[in-house]
PDB file of N, CA and C in Angstrom:
ATOM      1  N   MET A   1       0.845  -1.177   0.000  1.00  0.00           N
ATOM      2  CA  MET A   1       0.000   0.000   0.000  1.00  0.00           C
ATOM      3  C   MET A   1       0.890   1.238   0.000  1.00  0.00           C
ATOM      4  N   THR A   2       0.552   2.191  -0.820  1.00  0.00           N
ATOM      5  CA  THR A   2       1.334   3.417  -0.929  1.00  0.00           C
ATOM      6  C   THR A   2       0.498   4.600  -0.470  1.00  0.00           C
ATOM      7  N   PHE A   3       1.069   5.387   0.416  1.00  0.00           N
ATOM      8  CA  PHE A   3       0.400   6.562   0.954  1.00  0.00           C
ATOM      9  C   PHE A   3       1.042   7.824   0.406  1.00  0.00           C
ATOM     10  N   THR A   4       0.292   8.922   0.401  1.00  0.00           N
ATOM     11  CA  THR A   4       0.800  10.227  -0.014  1.00  0.00           C
ATOM     12  C   THR A   4       0.504  11.236   1.090  1.00  0.00           C
ATOM     13  N   LYS A   5       1.014  12.453   0.909  1.00  0.00           N
ATOM     14  CA  LYS A   5       0.717  13.525   1.874  1.00  0.00           C
ATOM     15  C   LYS A   5      -0.774  13.826   1.929  1.00  0.00           C
ATOM     16  N   ASN A   6      -1.493  13.480   0.876  1.00  0.00           N
ATOM     17  CA  ASN A   6      -2.939  13.731   0.828  1.00  0.00           C
ATOM     18  C   ASN A   6      -3.763  12.594   1.409  1.00  0.00           C
ATOM     19  N   SER A   7      -3.111  11.497   1.792  1.00  0.00           N
ATOM     20  CA  SER A   7      -3.836  10.373   2.389  1.00  0.00           C
ATOM     21  C   SER A   7      -4.387  10.795   3.751  1.00  0.00           C
ATOM     22  N   ARG A   8      -5.658  10.568   3.930  1.00  0.00           N
ATOM     23  CA  ARG A   8      -6.317  10.991   5.170  1.00  0.00           C
ATOM     24  C   ARG A   8      -5.690  10.344   6.403  1.00  0.00           C
ATOM     25  N   ILE A   9      -5.321   9.084   6.302  1.00  0.00           N
ATOM     26  CA  ILE A   9      -4.732   8.392   7.452  1.00  0.00           C
ATOM     27  C   ILE A   9      -3.390   9.019   7.835  1.00  0.00           C
ATOM     28  N   ALA A  10      -2.584   9.390   6.848  1.00  0.00           N
ATOM     29  CA  ALA A  10      -1.296  10.030   7.128  1.00  0.00           C
ATOM     30  C   ALA A  10      -1.506  11.392   7.775  1.00  0.00           C
ATOM     31  N   GLN A  11      -2.467  12.145   7.281  1.00  0.00           N
ATOM     32  CA  GLN A  11      -2.774  13.457   7.859  1.00  0.00           C
ATOM     33  C   GLN A  11      -3.279  13.315   9.291  1.00  0.00           C
ATOM     34  N   SER A  12      -4.095  12.294   9.533  1.00  0.00           N
ATOM     35  CA  SER A  12      -4.640  12.078  10.878  1.00  0.00           C
ATOM     36  C   SER A  12      -3.531  11.758  11.869  1.00  0.00           C
ATOM     37  N   TYR A  13      -2.593  10.883  11.480  1.00  0.00           N
ATOM     38  CA  TYR A  13      -1.474  10.577  12.363  1.00  0.00           C
ATOM     39  C   TYR A  13      -0.637  11.826  12.631  1.00  0.00           C
ATOM     40  N   ALA A  14      -0.411  12.649  11.622  1.00  0.00           N
ATOM     41  CA  ALA A  14       0.368  13.874  11.809  1.00  0.00           C
ATOM     42  C   ALA A  14      -0.310  14.803  12.810  1.00  0.00           C
ATOM     43  N   VAL A  15      -1.625  14.940  12.716  1.00  0.00           N
ATOM     44  CA  VAL A  15      -2.369  15.794  13.648  1.00  0.00           C
ATOM     45  C   VAL A  15      -2.260  15.250  15.073  1.00  0.00           C
ATOM     46  N   LEU A  16      -2.391  13.941  15.228  1.00  0.00           N
ATOM     47  CA  LEU A  16      -2.289  13.334  16.562  1.00  0.00           C
ATOM     48  C   LEU A  16      -0.900  13.531  17.160  1.00  0.00           C
ATOM     49  N   ILE A  17       0.123  13.450  16.337  1.00  0.00           N
ATOM     50  CA  ILE A  17       1.491  13.666  16.821  1.00  0.00           C
ATOM     51  C   ILE A  17       1.684  15.121  17.226  1.00  0.00           C
ATOM     52  N   LEU A  18       1.213  16.045  16.402  1.00  0.00           N
ATOM     53  CA  LEU A  18       1.340  17.469  16.734  1.00  0.00           C
ATOM     54  C   LEU A  18       0.568  17.827  17.998  1.00  0.00           C
ATOM     55  N   ALA A  19      -0.512  17.112  18.264  1.00  0.00           N
ATOM     56  CA  ALA A  19      -1.323  17.359  19.462  1.00  0.00           C
ATOM     57  C   ALA A  19      -0.733  16.679  20.697  1.00  0.00           C
ATOM     58  N   GLY A  20       0.337  15.902  20.497  1.00  0.00           N
ATOM     59  CA  GLY A  20       0.974  15.236  21.627  1.00  0.00           C
ATOM     60  C   GLY A  20       0.278  13.959  22.052  1.00  0.00           C
ATOM     61  N   ARG A  21      -0.627  13.450  21.249  1.00  0.00           N
ATOM     62  CA  ARG A  21      -1.381  12.242  21.591  1.00  0.00           C
ATOM     63  C   ARG A  21      -0.656  10.963  21.175  1.00  0.00           C
ATOM     64  N   MET A  22       0.285  11.091  20.235  1.00  0.00           N
ATOM     65  CA  MET A  22       1.038   9.940  19.729  1.00  0.00           C
ATOM     66  C   MET A  22       2.465  10.375  19.451  1.00  0.00           C
ATOM     67  N   THR A  23       3.319   9.407  19.186  1.00  0.00           N
ATOM     68  CA  THR A  23       4.683   9.693  18.728  1.00  0.00           C
ATOM     69  C   THR A  23       4.864   9.041  17.362  1.00  0.00           C
ATOM     70  N   ILE A  24       5.898   9.444  16.664  1.00  0.00           N
ATOM     71  CA  ILE A  24       6.161   8.866  15.345  1.00  0.00           C
ATOM     72  C   ILE A  24       6.420   7.372  15.465  1.00  0.00           C
ATOM     73  N   ASP A  25       6.953   6.928  16.591  1.00  0.00           N
ATOM     74  CA  ASP A  25       7.221   5.503  16.792  1.00  0.00           C
ATOM     75  C   ASP A  25       5.946   4.678  16.906  1.00  0.00           C
ATOM     76  N   SER A  26       4.832   5.317  17.234  1.00  0.00           N
ATOM     77  CA  SER A  26       3.578   4.580  17.361  1.00  0.00           C
ATOM     78  C   SER A  26       2.802   4.513  16.048  1.00  0.00           C
ATOM     79  N   VAL A  27       3.312   5.150  15.003  1.00  0.00           N
ATOM     80  CA  VAL A  27       2.692   5.054  13.675  1.00  0.00           C
ATOM     81  C   VAL A  27       3.082   3.706  13.089  1.00  0.00           C
ATOM     82  N   PRO A  28       2.109   2.921  12.630  1.00  0.00           N
ATOM     83  CA  PRO A  28       2.443   1.606  12.066  1.00  0.00           C
ATOM     84  C   PRO A  28       3.394   1.737  10.880  1.00  0.00           C
ATOM     85  N   ASN A  29       4.356   0.841  10.824  1.00  0.00           N
ATOM     86  CA  ASN A  29       5.323   0.842   9.733  1.00  0.00           C
ATOM     87  C   ASN A  29       4.771  -0.012   8.595  1.00  0.00           C
ATOM     88  N   VAL A  30       3.679   0.456   8.024  1.00  0.00           N
ATOM     89  CA  VAL A  30       2.989  -0.249   6.938  1.00  0.00           C
ATOM     90  C   VAL A  30       3.230   0.524   5.649  1.00  0.00           C
ATOM     91  N   GLY A  31       3.740  -0.170   4.647  1.00  0.00           N
ATOM     92  CA  GLY A  31       4.045   0.520   3.394  1.00  0.00           C
ATOM     93  C   GLY A  31       4.990   1.675   3.672  1.00  0.00           C
ATOM     94  N   ASN A  32       4.626   2.843   3.182  1.00  0.00           N
ATOM     95  CA  ASN A  32       5.439   4.039   3.408  1.00  0.00           C
ATOM     96  C   ASN A  32       4.752   5.015   4.358  1.00  0.00           C
ATOM     97  N   LEU A  33       3.817   4.517   5.184  1.00  0.00           N
ATOM     98  CA  LEU A  33       3.023   5.395   6.049  1.00  0.00           C
ATOM     99  C   LEU A  33       3.886   6.221   6.998  1.00  0.00           C
ATOM    100  N   ARG A  34       4.793   5.583   7.702  1.00  0.00           N
ATOM    101  CA  ARG A  34       5.631   6.313   8.662  1.00  0.00           C
ATOM    102  C   ARG A  34       6.487   7.367   7.958  1.00  0.00           C
ATOM    103  N   ALA A  35       7.012   7.038   6.785  1.00  0.00           N
ATOM    104  CA  ALA A  35       7.827   7.989   6.019  1.00  0.00           C
ATOM    105  C   ALA A  35       6.989   9.185   5.578  1.00  0.00           C
ATOM    106  N   VAL A  36       5.755   8.944   5.155  1.00  0.00           N
ATOM    107  CA  VAL A  36       4.895  10.035   4.704  1.00  0.00           C
ATOM    108  C   VAL A  36       4.498  10.923   5.885  1.00  0.00           C
ATOM    109  N   VAL A  37       4.210  10.339   7.028  1.00  0.00           N
ATOM    110  CA  VAL A  37       3.874  11.142   8.211  1.00  0.00           C
ATOM    111  C   VAL A  37       5.077  11.993   8.610  1.00  0.00           C
ATOM    112  N   THR A  38       6.260  11.420   8.561  1.00  0.00           N
ATOM    113  CA  THR A  38       7.477  12.179   8.851  1.00  0.00           C
ATOM    114  C   THR A  38       7.636  13.328   7.860  1.00  0.00           C
ATOM    115  N   GLU A  39       7.345  13.047   6.609  1.00  0.00           N
ATOM    116  CA  GLU A  39       7.429  14.075   5.563  1.00  0.00           C
ATOM    117  C   GLU A  39       6.452  15.218   5.837  1.00  0.00           C
ATOM    118  N   ILE A  40       5.242  14.892   6.261  1.00  0.00           N
ATOM    119  CA  ILE A  40       4.250  15.913   6.596  1.00  0.00           C
ATOM    120  C   ILE A  40       4.748  16.770   7.764  1.00  0.00           C
ATOM    121  N   LEU A  41       5.305  16.118   8.763  1.00  0.00           N
ATOM    122  CA  LEU A  41       5.738  16.836   9.974  1.00  0.00           C
ATOM    123  C   LEU A  41       6.969  17.705   9.736  1.00  0.00           C
ATOM    124  N   THR A  42       7.874  17.250   8.892  1.00  0.00           N
ATOM    125  CA  THR A  42       9.119  17.990   8.691  1.00  0.00           C
ATOM    126  C   THR A  42       9.078  18.894   7.472  1.00  0.00           C
ATOM    127  N   GLY A  43       8.163  18.614   6.560  1.00  0.00           N
ATOM    128  CA  GLY A  43       8.086  19.399   5.339  1.00  0.00           C
ATOM    129  C   GLY A  43       9.142  19.031   4.327  1.00  0.00           C
ATOM    130  N   GLU A  44       9.880  17.937   4.604  1.00  0.00           N
ATOM    131  CA  GLU A  44      10.921  17.479   3.697  1.00  0.00           C
ATOM    132  C   GLU A  44      10.439  16.226   2.989  1.00  0.00           C
ATOM    133  N   GLN A  45      10.865  16.081   1.754  1.00  0.00           N
ATOM    134  CA  GLN A  45      10.505  14.892   0.995  1.00  0.00           C
ATOM    135  C   GLN A  45      11.481  13.773   1.321  1.00  0.00           C
ATOM    136  N   THR A  46      10.933  12.580   1.612  1.00  0.00           N
ATOM    137  CA  THR A  46      11.773  11.437   1.891  1.00  0.00           C
ATOM    138  C   THR A  46      11.868  10.565   0.655  1.00  0.00           C
ATOM    139  N   VAL A  47      12.947   9.829   0.548  1.00  0.00           N
ATOM    140  CA  VAL A  47      13.140   8.927  -0.581  1.00  0.00           C
ATOM    141  C   VAL A  47      12.842   7.520  -0.110  1.00  0.00           C
ATOM    142  N   ALA A  48      11.926   6.859  -0.790  1.00  0.00           N
ATOM    143  CA  ALA A  48      11.539   5.502  -0.372  1.00  0.00           C
ATOM    144  C   ALA A  48      12.313   4.457  -1.114  1.00  0.00           C
TER     145      ALA A  48
END
């Protein structure tokens, strides 16, 4: 499964992390989900 910055699940995890409810380590490492959430949070593009 491939996620993008526009994927609702990736955006939801980013919001939860910014709110202090989760950490990046608690994001499931499924497909590129963790990388995309990191990309949303840092504003940098990651290479998969």
